[in-house]
Amino acid sequence: MKNLEKIKSFFNESISYCIENDIEKLIMFIKDEKAILNIKSFLEEEKFNLKLIAVTFPANEKMYQLDDEENISDFIPEAANGKKIKNILKDKDISLVSGPLPFEGIVIPGENYNPYKIIEQTFNIVNPGLSNLVQTVLIATDCGEVSPGERVVVMNAIIAIDTIGTNTRLLFHPEEGLRIKKVITAV
């Protein structure tokens, strides 16, 4: 129960940060609709005008998981599974975009080569959730929900970043690349 309260407190902190800094969009990577709907309810109760954008895996893309007996099974995350969650979020005026995580490689059986892995690992040195947040803003910008150069907050349950949106291709561009203005972490 303490963790749930801590997460709710962090969501409130991130929302307050957006409002205090005139940031109009809050972006969240989701696997299902629960957390972002809770945030939407809070925004409605408090009468805060903040645009919510949910980002998820590519539509209908299989993921793989190990069970306790180390058997591999495939599944499709709820948010990427057809139109069910997209319709739920659309009814609540929450945009849902899906796309491949820019730092993930193409699956080639028997091969483990991914030139973008070093970028992901470098972001994760700062914080284990930072790579996911960077990829989330890249997807949102590539899909047109965020304009290049637009200031947004991207969050998950443990970390948020105040960042300037950019397209994946321009991630490291000296003028138009990603800029993280502030990292906000749950205490």
Protein backbone atom coordinates (compact mmCIF):
# COMPACT_ATOMS: atom_id res chain seq x y z
CA MET A 1 0.00 0.00 0.00
CA LYS A 2 2.91 2.36 0.73
CA ASN A 3 4.24 1.89 -2.81
CA LEU A 4 0.83 2.72 -4.30
CA GLU A 5 0.66 5.90 -2.21
CA LYS A 6 4.23 6.77 -3.25
CA ILE A 7 3.33 6.29 -6.93
CA LYS A 8 0.18 8.42 -6.60
CA SER A 9 2.21 11.09 -4.84
CA PHE A 10 4.77 11.05 -7.66
CA PHE A 11 2.02 11.36 -10.30
CA ASN A 12 0.64 14.37 -8.40
CA GLU A 13 4.13 15.87 -8.22
CA SER A 14 4.64 15.45 -11.97
CA ILE A 15 1.22 16.96 -12.74
CA SER A 16 1.92 19.90 -10.42
CA TYR A 17 5.28 20.40 -12.13
CA CYS A 18 3.52 20.62 -15.52
CA ILE A 19 1.04 23.19 -14.25
CA GLU A 20 3.64 25.31 -12.43
CA ASN A 21 5.84 25.37 -15.56
CA ASP A 22 3.08 25.93 -18.17
CA ILE A 23 3.72 22.56 -19.80
CA GLU A 24 0.60 21.51 -21.70
CA LYS A 25 1.29 17.81 -22.40
CA LEU A 26 2.03 14.87 -20.14
CA ILE A 27 3.19 11.70 -21.87
CA MET A 28 3.27 8.21 -20.40
CA PHE A 29 4.39 4.85 -21.77
CA ILE A 30 1.66 2.32 -20.98
CA LYS A 31 1.13 -1.44 -21.06
CA ASP A 32 -2.54 -1.07 -20.10
CA GLU A 33 -4.95 1.77 -19.45
CA LYS A 34 -5.14 1.76 -15.63
CA ALA A 35 -2.48 4.32 -14.61
CA ILE A 36 -3.28 6.86 -17.29
CA LEU A 37 -7.02 6.66 -16.54
CA ASN A 38 -6.23 7.33 -12.87
CA ILE A 39 -4.26 10.40 -13.90
CA LYS A 40 -7.15 11.53 -16.13
CA SER A 41 -9.59 11.18 -13.22
CA PHE A 42 -7.32 13.25 -11.00
CA LEU A 43 -7.02 15.96 -13.68
CA GLU A 44 -10.80 16.10 -14.06
CA GLU A 45 -11.37 16.26 -10.28
CA GLU A 46 -8.87 19.09 -9.91
CA LYS A 47 -10.07 20.78 -13.12
CA PHE A 48 -6.54 20.83 -14.54
CA ASN A 49 -6.28 21.30 -18.29
CA LEU A 50 -3.43 19.02 -19.31
CA LYS A 51 -3.30 16.96 -22.53
CA LEU A 52 -2.51 13.30 -21.84
CA ILE A 53 -0.72 11.19 -24.43
CA ALA A 54 -0.26 7.44 -24.00
CA VAL A 55 2.54 5.71 -25.91
CA THR A 56 2.76 1.95 -26.31
CA PHE A 57 4.36 -0.85 -28.27
CA PRO A 58 3.56 -1.33 -31.97
CA ALA A 59 0.03 -2.58 -32.55
CA ASN A 60 -0.31 -6.34 -32.15
CA GLU A 61 3.43 -6.89 -31.61
CA LYS A 62 4.21 -10.07 -29.69
CA MET A 63 6.31 -9.85 -26.55
CA TYR A 64 7.94 -12.79 -24.80
CA GLN A 65 8.12 -13.69 -21.12
CA LEU A 66 9.66 -16.42 -18.99
CA ASP A 67 7.49 -18.19 -16.43
CA ASP A 68 8.74 -19.62 -13.10
CA GLU A 69 9.77 -22.84 -14.83
CA GLU A 70 11.73 -20.87 -17.47
CA ASN A 71 9.28 -21.64 -20.28
CA ILE A 72 8.92 -18.89 -22.87
CA SER A 73 5.44 -17.76 -23.82
CA ASP A 74 4.30 -14.95 -26.06
CA PHE A 75 1.70 -12.29 -25.33
CA ILE A 76 0.52 -8.97 -26.70
CA PRO A 77 0.39 -6.11 -24.16
CA GLU A 78 -3.16 -4.88 -23.55
CA ALA A 79 -2.46 -1.39 -24.92
CA ALA A 80 -1.08 -2.81 -28.16
CA ASN A 81 -3.82 -5.42 -28.60
CA GLY A 82 -6.17 -4.16 -31.28
CA LYS A 83 -8.57 -1.29 -30.64
CA LYS A 84 -10.06 -2.00 -27.19
CA ILE A 85 -7.82 0.29 -25.15
CA LYS A 86 -7.52 2.81 -27.98
CA ASN A 87 -11.31 3.24 -27.86
CA ILE A 88 -11.36 3.46 -24.05
CA LEU A 89 -8.70 6.20 -24.13
CA LYS A 90 -10.32 8.00 -27.06
CA ASP A 91 -13.57 8.23 -25.06
CA LYS A 92 -11.57 9.96 -22.30
CA ASP A 93 -9.82 12.33 -24.77
CA ILE A 94 -6.43 10.66 -24.29
CA SER A 95 -4.32 10.15 -27.42
CA LEU A 96 -2.76 6.72 -27.89
CA VAL A 97 0.19 6.30 -30.22
CA SER A 98 2.09 3.13 -30.87
CA GLY A 99 5.42 2.50 -32.46
CA PRO A 100 8.62 0.54 -32.11
CA LEU A 101 11.01 1.54 -29.36
CA PRO A 102 13.77 3.34 -31.28
CA PHE A 103 16.62 1.65 -29.40
CA GLU A 104 15.34 -1.90 -29.98
CA GLY A 105 16.85 -3.89 -32.79
CA ILE A 106 15.22 -6.14 -35.34
CA VAL A 107 14.90 -9.72 -34.12
CA ILE A 108 17.32 -11.96 -35.99
CA PRO A 109 17.23 -15.50 -34.54
CA GLY A 110 20.60 -16.52 -33.13
CA GLU A 111 22.02 -12.99 -33.42
CA ASN A 112 22.43 -10.45 -30.64
CA TYR A 113 23.68 -7.41 -32.54
CA ASN A 114 21.98 -4.08 -31.87
CA PRO A 115 23.96 -0.91 -32.59
CA TYR A 116 21.53 1.18 -30.49
CA LYS A 117 22.04 -0.86 -27.30
CA ILE A 118 24.91 1.40 -26.20
CA ILE A 119 22.60 4.45 -26.34
CA GLU A 120 20.03 2.65 -24.19
CA GLN A 121 22.67 1.52 -21.69
CA THR A 122 24.13 5.03 -21.46
CA PHE A 123 20.74 6.57 -20.56
CA ASN A 124 20.18 3.77 -18.04
CA ILE A 125 23.40 4.70 -16.23
CA VAL A 126 21.66 7.93 -15.17
CA ASN A 127 18.46 6.12 -14.15
CA PRO A 128 17.08 2.69 -15.13
CA GLY A 129 13.87 4.28 -16.45
CA LEU A 130 15.46 7.11 -18.43
CA SER A 131 15.93 5.14 -21.66
CA ASN A 132 12.22 4.27 -21.74
CA LEU A 133 11.23 7.92 -21.25
CA VAL A 134 13.55 9.14 -24.00
CA GLN A 135 12.16 6.52 -26.39
CA THR A 136 8.62 7.49 -25.37
CA VAL A 137 9.09 11.16 -26.32
CA LEU A 138 10.77 10.11 -29.57
CA ILE A 139 7.78 7.92 -30.51
CA ALA A 140 5.30 10.68 -29.56
CA THR A 141 7.24 13.18 -31.70
CA ASP A 142 7.67 10.78 -34.63
CA CYS A 143 3.89 10.12 -34.57
CA GLY A 144 3.03 13.83 -34.53
CA GLU A 145 1.56 14.12 -31.02
CA VAL A 146 4.51 16.28 -29.96
CA SER A 147 6.07 18.92 -32.20
CA PRO A 148 9.85 19.06 -32.52
CA GLY A 149 11.00 21.72 -30.06
CA GLU A 150 7.85 21.42 -27.89
CA ARG A 151 8.37 21.22 -24.13
CA VAL A 152 6.64 18.23 -22.49
CA VAL A 153 6.84 16.05 -19.40
CA VAL A 154 7.27 12.31 -19.92
CA MET A 155 6.74 10.02 -16.94
CA ASN A 156 6.42 6.52 -15.59
CA ALA A 157 5.90 5.35 -12.00
CA ILE A 158 9.40 6.27 -10.77
CA ILE A 159 10.86 9.01 -12.93
CA ALA A 160 9.75 11.93 -15.10
CA ILE A 161 11.65 14.25 -17.41
CA ASP A 162 10.96 17.79 -18.51
CA THR A 163 12.20 17.62 -22.08
CA ILE A 164 12.09 19.19 -25.49
CA GLY A 165 10.62 16.87 -28.13
CA THR A 166 12.60 15.75 -31.16
CA ASN A 167 12.37 13.13 -33.87
CA THR A 168 14.35 9.93 -33.51
CA ARG A 169 16.56 10.77 -36.47
CA LEU A 170 17.65 14.05 -34.84
CA LEU A 171 18.18 12.67 -31.31
CA PHE A 172 21.79 13.91 -31.10
CA HIS A 173 21.52 16.95 -33.40
CA PRO A 174 23.36 19.92 -31.78
CA GLU A 175 20.43 22.36 -32.15
CA GLU A 176 17.34 20.24 -32.78
CA GLY A 177 18.21 17.18 -30.69
CA LEU A 178 16.74 16.01 -27.43
CA ARG A 179 17.24 18.29 -24.45
CA ILE A 180 16.35 17.15 -20.97
CA LYS A 181 15.72 20.24 -18.84
CA LYS A 182 15.08 18.39 -15.57
CA VAL A 183 14.90 14.85 -14.21
CA ILE A 184 12.21 14.37 -11.56
CA THR A 185 12.43 11.20 -9.46
CA ALA A 186 10.14 9.65 -6.87
CA VAL A 187 11.60 10.01 -3.40
